[in-house]
Amino acid sequence: MTVTGLLCPLLPLAHGVCRASSVVLDEPVVSYGGDRELCTSARRLTIRGTVRLRAEWLTGRVFGLLPVAFSTRVLPPVPVPYVTLTDVRAVGTALSADDVRGDHVTMGIGRECG
């Protein structure tokens, strides 16, 4: 996951929603709960424009080494021009953007997404 232009306002009304100019996800697998779990996977998702994102809990590795775990609700309001996380797992996420493009996108039920 590579995020460009990240800013997480420290305002009670922000509810942990951060802004970014772009987010690139390599080999994401997104699962949606329910009676029959739905999933979406892709080789790459590129998200641009007015990007808004929130994660109740996000874990990963900075520089492929340093483990991190956080919620977007507690990130300080310091602009981060560029950050790359590997081995990312996110829970309770919400994302909206002007433009989302995917390479080799698969949508299915259960484990069809790989």
PDB file of N, CA and C in Angstrom:
ATOM      1  N   MET A   1       0.860  -1.156   0.000  1.00  0.00           N
ATOM      2  CA  MET A   1       0.000   0.000   0.000  1.00  0.00           C
ATOM      3  C   MET A   1       0.907   1.219   0.000  1.00  0.00           C
ATOM      4  N   THR A   2       0.739   2.063  -1.012  1.00  0.00           N
ATOM      5  CA  THR A   2       1.494   3.300  -1.095  1.00  0.00           C
ATOM      6  C   THR A   2       0.507   4.458  -1.051  1.00  0.00           C
ATOM      7  N   VAL A   3       0.705   5.358  -0.105  1.00  0.00           N
ATOM      8  CA  VAL A   3      -0.182   6.507   0.076  1.00  0.00           C
ATOM      9  C   VAL A   3       0.617   7.772  -0.186  1.00  0.00           C
ATOM     10  N   THR A   4       0.061   8.651  -1.011  1.00  0.00           N
ATOM     11  CA  THR A   4       0.685   9.929  -1.327  1.00  0.00           C
ATOM     12  C   THR A   4      -0.199  11.054  -0.806  1.00  0.00           C
ATOM     13  N   GLY A   5       0.406  12.046  -0.161  1.00  0.00           N
ATOM     14  CA  GLY A   5      -0.316  13.228   0.306  1.00  0.00           C
ATOM     15  C   GLY A   5      -1.298  12.946   1.421  1.00  0.00           C
ATOM     16  N   LEU A   6      -0.902  12.170   2.420  1.00  0.00           N
ATOM     17  CA  LEU A   6      -1.786  11.786   3.521  1.00  0.00           C
ATOM     18  C   LEU A   6      -1.889  12.893   4.558  1.00  0.00           C
ATOM     19  N   LEU A   7      -3.123  13.170   5.001  1.00  0.00           N
ATOM     20  CA  LEU A   7      -3.379  14.102   6.096  1.00  0.00           C
ATOM     21  C   LEU A   7      -4.597  13.613   6.854  1.00  0.00           C
ATOM     22  N   CYS A   8      -4.438  13.438   8.161  1.00  0.00           N
ATOM     23  CA  CYS A   8      -5.522  12.987   9.032  1.00  0.00           C
ATOM     24  C   CYS A   8      -5.847  14.103  10.016  1.00  0.00           C
ATOM     25  N   PRO A   9      -6.894  14.898   9.757  1.00  0.00           N
ATOM     26  CA  PRO A   9      -7.225  16.015  10.645  1.00  0.00           C
ATOM     27  C   PRO A   9      -7.571  15.523  12.045  1.00  0.00           C
ATOM     28  N   LEU A  10      -7.129  16.258  13.040  1.00  0.00           N
ATOM     29  CA  LEU A  10      -7.409  15.922  14.436  1.00  0.00           C
ATOM     30  C   LEU A  10      -8.619  16.730  14.897  1.00  0.00           C
ATOM     31  N   LEU A  11      -9.730  16.497  14.270  1.00  0.00           N
ATOM     32  CA  LEU A  11     -10.969  17.187  14.607  1.00  0.00           C
ATOM     33  C   LEU A  11     -12.005  16.165  15.037  1.00  0.00           C
ATOM     34  N   PRO A  12     -12.765  16.445  16.082  1.00  0.00           N
ATOM     35  CA  PRO A  12     -13.795  15.491  16.501  1.00  0.00           C
ATOM     36  C   PRO A  12     -14.777  15.161  15.372  1.00  0.00           C
ATOM     37  N   LEU A  13     -15.027  16.097  14.491  1.00  0.00           N
ATOM     38  CA  LEU A  13     -15.976  15.858  13.404  1.00  0.00           C
ATOM     39  C   LEU A  13     -15.393  15.013  12.284  1.00  0.00           C
ATOM     40  N   ALA A  14     -14.074  14.825  12.254  1.00  0.00           N
ATOM     41  CA  ALA A  14     -13.446  14.049  11.188  1.00  0.00           C
ATOM     42  C   ALA A  14     -13.706  12.555  11.337  1.00  0.00           C
ATOM     43  N   HIS A  15     -13.975  12.066  12.569  1.00  0.00           N
ATOM     44  CA  HIS A  15     -14.276  10.653  12.826  1.00  0.00           C
ATOM     45  C   HIS A  15     -13.205   9.715  12.290  1.00  0.00           C
ATOM     46  N   GLY A  16     -11.952  10.132  12.303  1.00  0.00           N
ATOM     47  CA  GLY A  16     -10.873   9.271  11.846  1.00  0.00           C
ATOM     48  C   GLY A  16     -10.743   9.172  10.340  1.00  0.00           C
ATOM     49  N   VAL A  17     -11.398  10.062   9.600  1.00  0.00           N
ATOM     50  CA  VAL A  17     -11.314  10.035   8.140  1.00  0.00           C
ATOM     51  C   VAL A  17     -10.120  10.871   7.692  1.00  0.00           C
ATOM     52  N   CYS A  18      -9.235  10.235   6.942  1.00  0.00           N
ATOM     53  CA  CYS A  18      -8.032  10.898   6.441  1.00  0.00           C
ATOM     54  C   CYS A  18      -8.230  11.251   4.971  1.00  0.00           C
ATOM     55  N   ARG A  19      -7.437  12.196   4.494  1.00  0.00           N
ATOM     56  CA  ARG A  19      -7.435  12.565   3.077  1.00  0.00           C
ATOM     57  C   ARG A  19      -6.100  12.173   2.483  1.00  0.00           C
ATOM     58  N   ALA A  20      -6.116  11.872   1.188  1.00  0.00           N
ATOM     59  CA  ALA A  20      -4.882  11.566   0.462  1.00  0.00           C
ATOM     60  C   ALA A  20      -5.092  11.938  -0.991  1.00  0.00           C
ATOM     61  N   SER A  21      -3.996  12.166  -1.710  1.00  0.00           N
ATOM     62  CA  SER A  21      -4.134  12.447  -3.142  1.00  0.00           C
ATOM     63  C   SER A  21      -4.163  11.165  -3.954  1.00  0.00           C
ATOM     64  N   SER A  22      -3.528  10.087  -3.441  1.00  0.00           N
ATOM     65  CA  SER A  22      -3.627   8.793  -4.127  1.00  0.00           C
ATOM     66  C   SER A  22      -3.274   7.654  -3.184  1.00  0.00           C
ATOM     67  N   VAL A  23      -3.830   6.489  -3.479  1.00  0.00           N
ATOM     68  CA  VAL A  23      -3.519   5.257  -2.764  1.00  0.00           C
ATOM     69  C   VAL A  23      -3.362   4.175  -3.824  1.00  0.00           C
ATOM     70  N   VAL A  24      -2.282   3.411  -3.748  1.00  0.00           N
ATOM     71  CA  VAL A  24      -2.060   2.289  -4.662  1.00  0.00           C
ATOM     72  C   VAL A  24      -1.980   1.026  -3.816  1.00  0.00           C
ATOM     73  N   LEU A  25      -2.814   0.042  -4.162  1.00  0.00           N
ATOM     74  CA  LEU A  25      -2.834  -1.235  -3.454  1.00  0.00           C
ATOM     75  C   LEU A  25      -2.351  -2.315  -4.411  1.00  0.00           C
ATOM     76  N   ASP A  26      -1.290  -3.007  -4.038  1.00  0.00           N
ATOM     77  CA  ASP A  26      -0.772  -4.112  -4.845  1.00  0.00           C
ATOM     78  C   ASP A  26      -1.302  -5.425  -4.303  1.00  0.00           C
ATOM     79  N   GLU A  27      -1.924  -6.211  -5.165  1.00  0.00           N
ATOM     80  CA  GLU A  27      -2.503  -7.513  -4.853  1.00  0.00           C
ATOM     81  C   GLU A  27      -3.451  -7.474  -3.655  1.00  0.00           C
ATOM     82  N   PRO A  28      -4.415  -6.529  -3.645  1.00  0.00           N
ATOM     83  CA  PRO A  28      -5.351  -6.486  -2.523  1.00  0.00           C
ATOM     84  C   PRO A  28      -6.391  -7.600  -2.626  1.00  0.00           C
ATOM     85  N   VAL A  29      -6.833  -8.072  -1.473  1.00  0.00           N
ATOM     86  CA  VAL A  29      -7.985  -8.969  -1.368  1.00  0.00           C
ATOM     87  C   VAL A  29      -8.886  -8.335  -0.324  1.00  0.00           C
ATOM     88  N   VAL A  30     -10.095  -7.972  -0.734  1.00  0.00           N
ATOM     89  CA  VAL A  30     -11.049  -7.309   0.143  1.00  0.00           C
ATOM     90  C   VAL A  30     -12.202  -8.266   0.382  1.00  0.00           C
ATOM     91  N   SER A  31     -12.504  -8.541   1.670  1.00  0.00           N
ATOM     92  CA  SER A  31     -13.594  -9.448   2.026  1.00  0.00           C
ATOM     93  C   SER A  31     -14.717  -8.664   2.678  1.00  0.00           C
ATOM     94  N   TYR A  32     -15.945  -9.036   2.330  1.00  0.00           N
ATOM     95  CA  TYR A  32     -17.144  -8.421   2.886  1.00  0.00           C
ATOM     96  C   TYR A  32     -17.899  -9.514   3.621  1.00  0.00           C
ATOM     97  N   GLY A  33     -18.208  -9.289   4.898  1.00  0.00           N
ATOM     98  CA  GLY A  33     -18.888 -10.302   5.704  1.00  0.00           C
ATOM     99  C   GLY A  33     -20.316 -10.562   5.253  1.00  0.00           C
ATOM    100  N   GLY A  34     -20.970 -11.464   5.958  1.00  0.00           N
ATOM    101  CA  GLY A  34     -22.343 -11.819   5.645  1.00  0.00           C
ATOM    102  C   GLY A  34     -22.515 -13.318   5.633  1.00  0.00           C
ATOM    103  N   ASP A  35     -23.711 -13.771   5.246  1.00  0.00           N
ATOM    104  CA  ASP A  35     -23.974 -15.209   5.203  1.00  0.00           C
ATOM    105  C   ASP A  35     -23.000 -15.918   4.273  1.00  0.00           C
ATOM    106  N   ARG A  36     -22.818 -15.358   3.082  1.00  0.00           N
ATOM    107  CA  ARG A  36     -21.844 -15.893   2.126  1.00  0.00           C
ATOM    108  C   ARG A  36     -20.856 -14.780   1.863  1.00  0.00           C
ATOM    109  N   GLU A  37     -19.653 -14.941   2.347  1.00  0.00           N
ATOM    110  CA  GLU A  37     -18.653 -13.889   2.250  1.00  0.00           C
ATOM    111  C   GLU A  37     -18.357 -13.528   0.799  1.00  0.00           C
ATOM    112  N   LEU A  38     -18.416 -12.237   0.479  1.00  0.00           N
ATOM    113  CA  LEU A  38     -18.076 -11.736  -0.846  1.00  0.00           C
ATOM    114  C   LEU A  38     -16.646 -11.228  -0.831  1.00  0.00           C
ATOM    115  N   CYS A  39     -15.995 -11.251  -1.983  1.00  0.00           N
ATOM    116  CA  CYS A  39     -14.610 -10.791  -2.026  1.00  0.00           C
ATOM    117  C   CYS A  39     -14.317 -10.110  -3.366  1.00  0.00           C
ATOM    118  N   THR A  40     -13.311  -9.259  -3.333  1.00  0.00           N
ATOM    119  CA  THR A  40     -12.784  -8.600  -4.524  1.00  0.00           C
ATOM    120  C   THR A  40     -11.266  -8.666  -4.429  1.00  0.00           C
ATOM    121  N   SER A  41     -10.625  -9.026  -5.536  1.00  0.00           N
ATOM    122  CA  SER A  41      -9.166  -9.023  -5.566  1.00  0.00           C
ATOM    123  C   SER A  41      -8.716  -8.392  -6.881  1.00  0.00           C
ATOM    124  N   ALA A  42      -7.468  -7.978  -6.922  1.00  0.00           N
ATOM    125  CA  ALA A  42      -6.922  -7.351  -8.132  1.00  0.00           C
ATOM    126  C   ALA A  42      -5.408  -7.478  -8.108  1.00  0.00           C
ATOM    127  N   ARG A  43      -4.812  -7.345  -9.272  1.00  0.00           N
ATOM    128  CA  ARG A  43      -3.348  -7.273  -9.316  1.00  0.00           C
ATOM    129  C   ARG A  43      -2.917  -5.940  -8.710  1.00  0.00           C
ATOM    130  N   ARG A  44      -3.640  -4.857  -9.073  1.00  0.00           N
ATOM    131  CA  ARG A  44      -3.336  -3.533  -8.549  1.00  0.00           C
ATOM    132  C   ARG A  44      -4.602  -2.680  -8.606  1.00  0.00           C
ATOM    133  N   LEU A  45      -4.852  -1.913  -7.538  1.00  0.00           N
ATOM    134  CA  LEU A  45      -5.902  -0.899  -7.521  1.00  0.00           C
ATOM    135  C   LEU A  45      -5.228   0.450  -7.350  1.00  0.00           C
ATOM    136  N   THR A  46      -5.571   1.397  -8.220  1.00  0.00           N
ATOM    137  CA  THR A  46      -5.055   2.756  -8.131  1.00  0.00           C
ATOM    138  C   THR A  46      -6.231   3.669  -7.831  1.00  0.00           C
ATOM    139  N   ILE A  47      -6.148   4.392  -6.725  1.00  0.00           N
ATOM    140  CA  ILE A  47      -7.234   5.228  -6.234  1.00  0.00           C
ATOM    141  C   ILE A  47      -6.730   6.661  -6.225  1.00  0.00           C
ATOM    142  N   ARG A  48      -7.454   7.558  -6.923  1.00  0.00           N
ATOM    143  CA  ARG A  48      -6.970   8.947  -7.068  1.00  0.00           C
ATOM    144  C   ARG A  48      -8.111   9.936  -6.947  1.00  0.00           C
ATOM    145  N   GLY A  49      -7.715  11.201  -6.913  1.00  0.00           N
ATOM    146  CA  GLY A  49      -8.697  12.288  -6.855  1.00  0.00           C
ATOM    147  C   GLY A  49      -8.899  12.709  -5.417  1.00  0.00           C
ATOM    148  N   THR A  50     -10.127  12.983  -5.041  1.00  0.00           N
ATOM    149  CA  THR A  50     -10.447  13.318  -3.664  1.00  0.00           C
ATOM    150  C   THR A  50     -10.610  12.002  -2.910  1.00  0.00           C
ATOM    151  N   VAL A  51      -9.525  11.530  -2.314  1.00  0.00           N
ATOM    152  CA  VAL A  51      -9.527  10.244  -1.619  1.00  0.00           C
ATOM    153  C   VAL A  51      -9.799  10.479  -0.139  1.00  0.00           C
ATOM    154  N   ARG A  52     -10.763   9.749   0.388  1.00  0.00           N
ATOM    155  CA  ARG A  52     -11.078   9.759   1.815  1.00  0.00           C
ATOM    156  C   ARG A  52     -10.971   8.312   2.288  1.00  0.00           C
ATOM    157  N   LEU A  53     -10.237   8.086   3.380  1.00  0.00           N
ATOM    158  CA  LEU A  53     -10.109   6.735   3.892  1.00  0.00           C
ATOM    159  C   LEU A  53     -10.114   6.722   5.404  1.00  0.00           C
ATOM    160  N   ARG A  54     -10.601   5.597   5.927  1.00  0.00           N
ATOM    161  CA  ARG A  54     -10.667   5.395   7.369  1.00  0.00           C
ATOM    162  C   ARG A  54     -10.401   3.919   7.634  1.00  0.00           C
ATOM    163  N   ALA A  55      -9.706   3.610   8.710  1.00  0.00           N
ATOM    164  CA  ALA A  55      -9.476   2.233   9.126  1.00  0.00           C
ATOM    165  C   ALA A  55      -9.572   2.168  10.645  1.00  0.00           C
ATOM    166  N   GLU A  56     -10.436   1.289  11.142  1.00  0.00           N
ATOM    167  CA  GLU A  56     -10.517   1.102  12.589  1.00  0.00           C
ATOM    168  C   GLU A  56      -9.214   0.518  13.111  1.00  0.00           C
ATOM    169  N   TRP A  57      -8.596  -0.366  12.321  1.00  0.00           N
ATOM    170  CA  TRP A  57      -7.317  -0.949  12.717  1.00  0.00           C
ATOM    171  C   TRP A  57      -6.543  -1.317  11.467  1.00  0.00           C
ATOM    172  N   LEU A  58      -5.290  -0.930  11.395  1.00  0.00           N
ATOM    173  CA  LEU A  58      -4.448  -1.194  10.239  1.00  0.00           C
ATOM    174  C   LEU A  58      -3.078  -1.636  10.737  1.00  0.00           C
ATOM    175  N   THR A  59      -2.577  -2.741  10.196  1.00  0.00           N
ATOM    176  CA  THR A  59      -1.240  -3.207  10.542  1.00  0.00           C
ATOM    177  C   THR A  59      -0.427  -3.372   9.267  1.00  0.00           C
ATOM    178  N   GLY A  60       0.866  -3.281   9.390  1.00  0.00           N
ATOM    179  CA  GLY A  60       1.743  -3.461   8.238  1.00  0.00           C
ATOM    180  C   GLY A  60       3.185  -3.242   8.637  1.00  0.00           C
ATOM    181  N   ARG A  61       4.033  -3.102   7.631  1.00  0.00           N
ATOM    182  CA  ARG A  61       5.462  -2.884   7.863  1.00  0.00           C
ATOM    183  C   ARG A  61       5.927  -1.689   7.036  1.00  0.00           C
ATOM    184  N   VAL A  62       6.567  -0.741   7.695  1.00  0.00           N
ATOM    185  CA  VAL A  62       7.169   0.406   7.024  1.00  0.00           C
ATOM    186  C   VAL A  62       8.549  -0.027   6.539  1.00  0.00           C
ATOM    187  N   PHE A  63       8.878   0.298   5.309  1.00  0.00           N
ATOM    188  CA  PHE A  63      10.151  -0.096   4.685  1.00  0.00           C
ATOM    189  C   PHE A  63      10.312  -1.622   4.640  1.00  0.00           C
ATOM    190  N   GLY A  64       9.195  -2.352   4.755  1.00  0.00           N
ATOM    191  CA  GLY A  64       9.244  -3.805   4.733  1.00  0.00           C
ATOM    192  C   GLY A  64       9.798  -4.417   5.998  1.00  0.00           C
ATOM    193  N   LEU A  65      10.134  -3.597   7.005  1.00  0.00           N
ATOM    194  CA  LEU A  65      10.780  -4.099   8.222  1.00  0.00           C
ATOM    195  C   LEU A  65      10.058  -3.722   9.508  1.00  0.00           C
ATOM    196  N   LEU A  66       9.838  -2.429   9.707  1.00  0.00           N
ATOM    197  CA  LEU A  66       9.330  -1.895  10.969  1.00  0.00           C
ATOM    198  C   LEU A  66       7.827  -2.152  11.102  1.00  0.00           C
ATOM    199  N   PRO A  67       7.409  -3.005  12.056  1.00  0.00           N
ATOM    200  CA  PRO A  67       5.973  -3.262  12.208  1.00  0.00           C
ATOM    201  C   PRO A  67       5.255  -2.055  12.815  1.00  0.00           C
ATOM    202  N   VAL A  68       4.062  -1.756  12.286  1.00  0.00           N
ATOM    203  CA  VAL A  68       3.232  -0.678  12.812  1.00  0.00           C
ATOM    204  C   VAL A  68       1.798  -1.179  12.923  1.00  0.00           C
ATOM    205  N   ALA A  69       1.066  -0.582  13.853  1.00  0.00           N
ATOM    206  CA  ALA A  69      -0.355  -0.869  14.023  1.00  0.00           C
ATOM    207  C   ALA A  69      -1.005   0.402  14.541  1.00  0.00           C
ATOM    208  N   PHE A  70      -2.126   0.799  13.926  1.00  0.00           N
ATOM    209  CA  PHE A  70      -2.771   2.041  14.329  1.00  0.00           C
ATOM    210  C   PHE A  70      -4.191   2.111  13.782  1.00  0.00           C
ATOM    211  N   SER A  71      -4.919   3.082  14.274  1.00  0.00           N
ATOM    212  CA  SER A  71      -6.232   3.451  13.758  1.00  0.00           C
ATOM    213  C   SER A  71      -6.090   4.845  13.167  1.00  0.00           C
ATOM    214  N   THR A  72      -6.819   5.148  12.105  1.00  0.00           N
ATOM    215  CA  THR A  72      -6.747   6.495  11.545  1.00  0.00           C
ATOM    216  C   THR A  72      -7.319   7.536  12.512  1.00  0.00           C
ATOM    217  N   ARG A  73      -8.046   7.091  13.524  1.00  0.00           N
ATOM    218  CA  ARG A  73      -8.589   8.023  14.518  1.00  0.00           C
ATOM    219  C   ARG A  73      -7.497   8.646  15.387  1.00  0.00           C
ATOM    220  N   VAL A  74      -6.333   8.004  15.487  1.00  0.00           N
ATOM    221  CA  VAL A  74      -5.303   8.498  16.398  1.00  0.00           C
ATOM    222  C   VAL A  74      -4.061   9.040  15.701  1.00  0.00           C
ATOM    223  N   LEU A  75      -4.062   9.101  14.387  1.00  0.00           N
ATOM    224  CA  LEU A  75      -2.907   9.653  13.681  1.00  0.00           C
ATOM    225  C   LEU A  75      -2.830  11.154  13.901  1.00  0.00           C
ATOM    226  N   PRO A  76      -1.648  11.674  14.157  1.00  0.00           N
ATOM    227  CA  PRO A  76      -1.508  13.117  14.355  1.00  0.00           C
ATOM    228  C   PRO A  76      -1.744  13.869  13.043  1.00  0.00           C
ATOM    229  N   PRO A  77      -2.190  15.131  13.141  1.00  0.00           N
ATOM    230  CA  PRO A  77      -2.482  15.918  11.934  1.00  0.00           C
ATOM    231  C   PRO A  77      -1.210  16.467  11.284  1.00  0.00           C
ATOM    232  N   VAL A  78      -0.299  15.578  10.957  1.00  0.00           N
ATOM    233  CA  VAL A  78       0.966  15.945  10.326  1.00  0.00           C
ATOM    234  C   VAL A  78       0.927  15.424   8.891  1.00  0.00           C
ATOM    235  N   PRO A  79       1.119  16.289   7.898  1.00  0.00           N
ATOM    236  CA  PRO A  79       1.096  15.809   6.518  1.00  0.00           C
ATOM    237  C   PRO A  79       2.224  14.810   6.249  1.00  0.00           C
ATOM    238  N   VAL A  80       1.880  13.721   5.591  1.00  0.00           N
ATOM    239  CA  VAL A  80       2.858  12.705   5.207  1.00  0.00           C
ATOM    240  C   VAL A  80       2.888  12.685   3.682  1.00  0.00           C
ATOM    241  N   PRO A  81       3.971  13.169   3.071  1.00  0.00           N
ATOM    242  CA  PRO A  81       3.987  13.274   1.612  1.00  0.00           C
ATOM    243  C   PRO A  81       3.934  11.921   0.910  1.00  0.00           C
ATOM    244  N   TYR A  82       4.541  10.879   1.523  1.00  0.00           N
ATOM    245  CA  TYR A  82       4.631   9.591   0.841  1.00  0.00           C
ATOM    246  C   TYR A  82       4.953   8.515   1.864  1.00  0.00           C
ATOM    247  N   VAL A  83       4.217   7.424   1.866  1.00  0.00           N
ATOM    248  CA  VAL A  83       4.517   6.304   2.761  1.00  0.00           C
ATOM    249  C   VAL A  83       4.134   5.002   2.065  1.00  0.00           C
ATOM    250  N   THR A  84       4.979   3.988   2.226  1.00  0.00           N
ATOM    251  CA  THR A  84       4.692   2.664   1.678  1.00  0.00           C
ATOM    252  C   THR A  84       4.673   1.665   2.823  1.00  0.00           C
ATOM    253  N   LEU A  85       3.592   0.888   2.902  1.00  0.00           N
ATOM    254  CA  LEU A  85       3.461  -0.186   3.877  1.00  0.00           C
ATOM    255  C   LEU A  85       3.360  -1.500   3.120  1.00  0.00           C
ATOM    256  N   THR A  86       3.984  -2.552   3.648  1.00  0.00           N
ATOM    257  CA  THR A  86       3.857  -3.883   3.075  1.00  0.00           C
ATOM    258  C   THR A  86       3.143  -4.777   4.081  1.00  0.00           C
ATOM    259  N   ASP A  87       2.685  -5.929   3.626  1.00  0.00           N
ATOM    260  CA  ASP A  87       1.992  -6.902   4.481  1.00  0.00           C
ATOM    261  C   ASP A  87       0.842  -6.247   5.243  1.00  0.00           C
ATOM    262  N   VAL A  88       0.054  -5.441   4.563  1.00  0.00           N
ATOM    263  CA  VAL A  88      -1.007  -4.667   5.203  1.00  0.00           C
ATOM    264  C   VAL A  88      -2.246  -5.527   5.433  1.00  0.00           C
ATOM    265  N   ARG A  89      -2.807  -5.392   6.628  1.00  0.00           N
ATOM    266  CA  ARG A  89      -4.117  -5.953   6.957  1.00  0.00           C
ATOM    267  C   ARG A  89      -4.908  -4.811   7.580  1.00  0.00           C
ATOM    268  N   ALA A  90      -6.121  -4.627   7.108  1.00  0.00           N
ATOM    269  CA  ALA A  90      -6.957  -3.543   7.619  1.00  0.00           C
ATOM    270  C   ALA A  90      -8.330  -4.084   7.988  1.00  0.00           C
ATOM    271  N   VAL A  91      -8.890  -3.559   9.080  1.00  0.00           N
ATOM    272  CA  VAL A  91     -10.206  -3.955   9.564  1.00  0.00           C
ATOM    273  C   VAL A  91     -11.044  -2.702   9.721  1.00  0.00           C
ATOM    274  N   GLY A  92     -12.321  -2.793   9.391  1.00  0.00           N
ATOM    275  CA  GLY A  92     -13.221  -1.657   9.551  1.00  0.00           C
ATOM    276  C   GLY A  92     -12.859  -0.492   8.664  1.00  0.00           C
ATOM    277  N   THR A  93     -12.651  -0.763   7.389  1.00  0.00           N
ATOM    278  CA  THR A  93     -12.207   0.277   6.465  1.00  0.00           C
ATOM    279  C   THR A  93     -13.360   0.885   5.692  1.00  0.00           C
ATOM    280  N   ALA A  94     -13.168   2.124   5.321  1.00  0.00           N
ATOM    281  CA  ALA A  94     -14.079   2.823   4.416  1.00  0.00           C
ATOM    282  C   ALA A  94     -13.207   3.651   3.487  1.00  0.00           C
ATOM    283  N   LEU A  95     -13.575   3.691   2.214  1.00  0.00           N
ATOM    284  CA  LEU A  95     -12.777   4.418   1.240  1.00  0.00           C
ATOM    285  C   LEU A  95     -13.701   4.999   0.180  1.00  0.00           C
ATOM    286  N   SER A  96     -13.458   6.246  -0.167  1.00  0.00           N
ATOM    287  CA  SER A  96     -14.167   6.858  -1.294  1.00  0.00           C
ATOM    288  C   SER A  96     -13.164   7.674  -2.089  1.00  0.00           C
ATOM    289  N   ALA A  97     -13.417   7.787  -3.394  1.00  0.00           N
ATOM    290  CA  ALA A  97     -12.489   8.510  -4.262  1.00  0.00           C
ATOM    291  C   ALA A  97     -13.197   8.900  -5.546  1.00  0.00           C
ATOM    292  N   ASP A  98     -12.583   9.840  -6.257  1.00  0.00           N
ATOM    293  CA  ASP A  98     -13.109  10.253  -7.556  1.00  0.00           C
ATOM    294  C   ASP A  98     -12.856   9.198  -8.624  1.00  0.00           C
ATOM    295  N   ASP A  99     -11.740   8.460  -8.509  1.00  0.00           N
ATOM    296  CA  ASP A  99     -11.330   7.536  -9.568  1.00  0.00           C
ATOM    297  C   ASP A  99     -10.693   6.301  -8.955  1.00  0.00           C
ATOM    298  N   VAL A 100     -11.222   5.131  -9.288  1.00  0.00           N
ATOM    299  CA  VAL A 100     -10.645   3.863  -8.856  1.00  0.00           C
ATOM    300  C   VAL A 100     -10.469   3.006 -10.097  1.00  0.00           C
ATOM    301  N   ARG A 101      -9.248   2.566 -10.330  1.00  0.00           N
ATOM    302  CA  ARG A 101      -8.949   1.724 -11.495  1.00  0.00           C
ATOM    303  C   ARG A 101      -8.250   0.466 -11.021  1.00  0.00           C
ATOM    304  N   GLY A 102      -8.601  -0.640 -11.651  1.00  0.00           N
ATOM    305  CA  GLY A 102      -8.015  -1.911 -11.254  1.00  0.00           C
ATOM    306  C   GLY A 102      -7.481  -2.697 -12.430  1.00  0.00           C
ATOM    307  N   ASP A 103      -6.426  -3.465 -12.177  1.00  0.00           N
ATOM    308  CA  ASP A 103      -5.857  -4.384 -13.156  1.00  0.00           C
ATOM    309  C   ASP A 103      -6.209  -5.802 -12.725  1.00  0.00           C
ATOM    310  N   HIS A 104      -6.808  -6.570 -13.637  1.00  0.00           N
ATOM    311  CA  HIS A 104      -7.156  -7.968 -13.384  1.00  0.00           C
ATOM    312  C   HIS A 104      -7.997  -8.113 -12.128  1.00  0.00           C
ATOM    313  N   VAL A 105      -9.154  -7.468 -12.090  1.00  0.00           N
ATOM    314  CA  VAL A 105     -10.050  -7.486 -10.938  1.00  0.00           C
ATOM    315  C   VAL A 105     -10.929  -8.729 -10.984  1.00  0.00           C
ATOM    316  N   THR A 106     -11.065  -9.400  -9.835  1.00  0.00           N
ATOM    317  CA  THR A 106     -11.924 -10.566  -9.687  1.00  0.00           C
ATOM    318  C   THR A 106     -12.884 -10.305  -8.540  1.00  0.00           C
ATOM    319  N   MET A 107     -14.163 -10.590  -8.765  1.00  0.00           N
ATOM    320  CA  MET A 107     -15.160 -10.497  -7.704  1.00  0.00           C
ATOM    321  C   MET A 107     -15.813 -11.864  -7.588  1.00  0.00           C
ATOM    322  N   GLY A 108     -16.037 -12.322  -6.355  1.00  0.00           N
ATOM    323  CA  GLY A 108     -16.615 -13.645  -6.198  1.00  0.00           C
ATOM    324  C   GLY A 108     -17.174 -13.874  -4.823  1.00  0.00           C
ATOM    325  N   ILE A 109     -17.499 -15.127  -4.558  1.00  0.00           N
ATOM    326  CA  ILE A 109     -18.067 -15.553  -3.283  1.00  0.00           C
ATOM    327  C   ILE A 109     -17.078 -16.490  -2.613  1.00  0.00           C
ATOM    328  N   GLY A 110     -16.909 -16.303  -1.318  1.00  0.00           N
ATOM    329  CA  GLY A 110     -16.029 -17.186  -0.557  1.00  0.00           C
ATOM    330  C   GLY A 110     -14.577 -16.967  -0.906  1.00  0.00           C
ATOM    331  N   ARG A 111     -13.889 -18.044  -1.257  1.00  0.00           N
ATOM    332  CA  ARG A 111     -12.454 -17.980  -1.513  1.00  0.00           C
ATOM    333  C   ARG A 111     -12.133 -17.870  -3.001  1.00  0.00           C
ATOM    334  N   GLU A 112     -13.091 -17.460  -3.812  1.00  0.00           N
ATOM    335  CA  GLU A 112     -12.857 -17.341  -5.259  1.00  0.00           C
ATOM    336  C   GLU A 112     -11.828 -16.280  -5.612  1.00  0.00           C
ATOM    337  N   CYS A 113     -11.567 -15.361  -4.713  1.00  0.00           N
ATOM    338  CA  CYS A 113     -10.638 -14.268  -5.007  1.00  0.00           C
ATOM    339  C   CYS A 113      -9.196 -14.626  -4.756  1.00  0.00           C
ATOM    340  N   GLY A 114      -8.938 -15.761  -4.177  1.00  0.00           N
ATOM    341  CA  GLY A 114      -7.542 -16.180  -3.985  1.00  0.00           C
ATOM    342  C   GLY A 114      -7.045 -15.919  -2.667  1.00  0.00           C
TER     343      GLY A 114
END
